Amino acid sequence: MNAAKKIRRFIEEGHDPQQMLVLKELAAALEMGRSFDLSQLYDIDMRYFDVAIDLLKDWRFDHHISSRSKLLEQLLTEIAPEQRAAVSSEEVIAAAQDSKKKSKD
């Protein structure tokens, strides 16, 4: 289960509001490109800290895949336009996410 799903589940289950506030603020900061005071992570329990770290990993991986797919798209446009239709960025992202899921299993 990815970190975003864990956080949603924690919210639905009514976990500790102060712990959840830190996770919500981190998730919002990552999504909106805002700053986040990392010292807040020191104040939460290890269970929530682990989810925060997983959220950071997921966010970084998603940005890495997005950057790679944009580069691939640009290269296909510049180098081999006839191949562009053969591989879309959505296919690259889907393949990367599938390989990520398999590596976690």
Protein backbone atom coordinates (compact mmCIF):
# COMPACT_ATOMS: atom_id res chain seq x y z
CA MET A 1 0.00 0.00 0.00
CA ASN A 2 1.42 3.39 -0.91
CA ALA A 3 1.85 6.18 1.64
CA ALA A 4 -1.05 8.28 0.36
CA LYS A 5 -3.42 5.35 0.84
CA LYS A 6 -2.06 4.76 4.34
CA ILE A 7 -2.63 8.40 5.25
CA ARG A 8 -6.19 8.29 3.89
CA ARG A 9 -6.82 5.14 5.91
CA PHE A 10 -5.41 6.78 9.05
CA ILE A 11 -7.73 9.75 8.52
CA GLU A 12 -10.75 7.48 8.03
CA GLU A 13 -9.87 5.50 11.14
CA GLY A 14 -9.56 8.67 13.22
CA HIS A 15 -5.91 8.34 14.21
CA ASP A 16 -4.25 10.88 16.53
CA PRO A 17 -5.15 14.35 15.15
CA GLN A 18 -1.80 15.95 16.04
CA GLN A 19 0.16 13.16 14.35
CA MET A 20 -2.12 13.34 11.34
CA LEU A 21 -1.76 17.10 11.07
CA VAL A 22 1.96 16.70 10.43
CA LEU A 23 1.33 14.07 7.74
CA LYS A 24 -1.37 16.21 6.11
CA GLU A 25 0.89 19.27 6.10
CA LEU A 26 3.74 17.25 4.58
CA ALA A 27 1.47 15.81 1.89
CA ALA A 28 0.07 19.25 1.04
CA ALA A 29 3.55 20.81 0.94
CA LEU A 30 4.84 18.12 -1.43
CA GLU A 31 1.81 18.37 -3.68
CA MET A 32 1.79 22.17 -3.82
CA GLY A 33 5.55 22.69 -3.88
CA ARG A 34 5.55 24.58 -0.58
CA SER A 35 8.18 24.45 2.13
CA PHE A 36 7.80 22.15 5.12
CA ASP A 37 9.59 22.30 8.47
CA LEU A 38 11.25 18.89 8.73
CA SER A 39 11.70 19.29 12.48
CA GLN A 40 7.98 18.50 12.78
CA LEU A 41 8.81 14.92 11.81
CA TYR A 42 10.91 14.60 14.96
CA ASP A 43 7.80 15.16 17.08
CA ILE A 44 5.67 12.35 15.64
CA ASP A 45 5.64 8.69 16.65
CA MET A 46 7.75 6.24 14.66
CA ARG A 47 4.71 4.69 12.97
CA TYR A 48 3.74 8.05 11.48
CA PHE A 49 7.35 8.97 10.78
CA ASP A 50 7.72 5.82 8.68
CA VAL A 51 4.65 6.79 6.66
CA ALA A 52 6.10 10.30 6.19
CA ILE A 53 9.34 8.81 4.86
CA ASP A 54 7.35 6.52 2.54
CA LEU A 55 5.43 9.57 1.32
CA LEU A 56 8.71 11.34 0.54
CA LYS A 57 9.98 8.28 -1.33
CA ASP A 58 6.76 7.99 -3.35
CA TRP A 59 6.85 11.70 -4.15
CA ARG A 60 10.49 11.54 -5.26
CA PHE A 61 9.89 8.44 -7.36
CA ASP A 62 6.84 9.99 -9.03
CA HIS A 63 8.79 13.16 -9.85
CA HIS A 64 11.68 11.09 -11.17
CA ILE A 65 9.35 9.09 -13.43
CA SER A 66 7.63 12.28 -14.59
CA SER A 67 10.97 13.87 -15.49
CA ARG A 68 12.10 10.74 -17.29
CA SER A 69 8.90 10.50 -19.29
CA LYS A 70 9.13 14.16 -20.30
CA LEU A 71 12.74 13.60 -21.41
CA LEU A 72 11.75 10.50 -23.37
CA GLU A 73 8.95 12.41 -25.03
CA GLN A 74 11.32 15.24 -25.98
CA LEU A 75 13.92 12.82 -27.32
CA LEU A 76 11.37 10.99 -29.39
CA THR A 77 10.16 14.29 -30.79
CA GLU A 78 13.67 15.43 -31.70
CA ILE A 79 15.31 12.17 -32.73
CA ALA A 80 12.61 9.87 -34.00
CA PRO A 81 9.23 11.55 -34.51
CA GLU A 82 7.81 8.45 -36.20
CA GLN A 83 8.39 6.48 -32.98
CA ARG A 84 6.60 9.02 -30.78
CA ALA A 85 3.22 7.38 -31.25
CA ALA A 86 4.68 4.00 -30.31
CA VAL A 87 5.56 5.03 -26.73
CA SER A 88 3.52 7.58 -24.80
CA SER A 89 4.52 9.09 -21.48
CA GLU A 90 1.51 7.43 -19.90
CA GLU A 91 2.84 4.03 -20.97
CA VAL A 92 6.25 4.85 -19.51
CA ILE A 93 4.71 5.92 -16.21
CA ALA A 94 2.46 2.85 -16.08
CA ALA A 95 5.39 0.55 -16.77
CA ALA A 96 7.51 2.25 -14.11
CA GLN A 97 4.73 2.01 -11.54
CA ASP A 98 4.24 -1.67 -12.36
CA SER A 99 7.95 -2.35 -11.86
CA LYS A 100 7.86 -0.40 -8.57
CA LYS A 101 4.94 -2.50 -7.34
CA LYS A 102 6.74 -5.70 -8.31
CA SER A 103 9.93 -4.62 -6.54
CA LYS A 104 7.98 -3.98 -3.31
CA ASP A 105 6.43 -7.47 -3.44
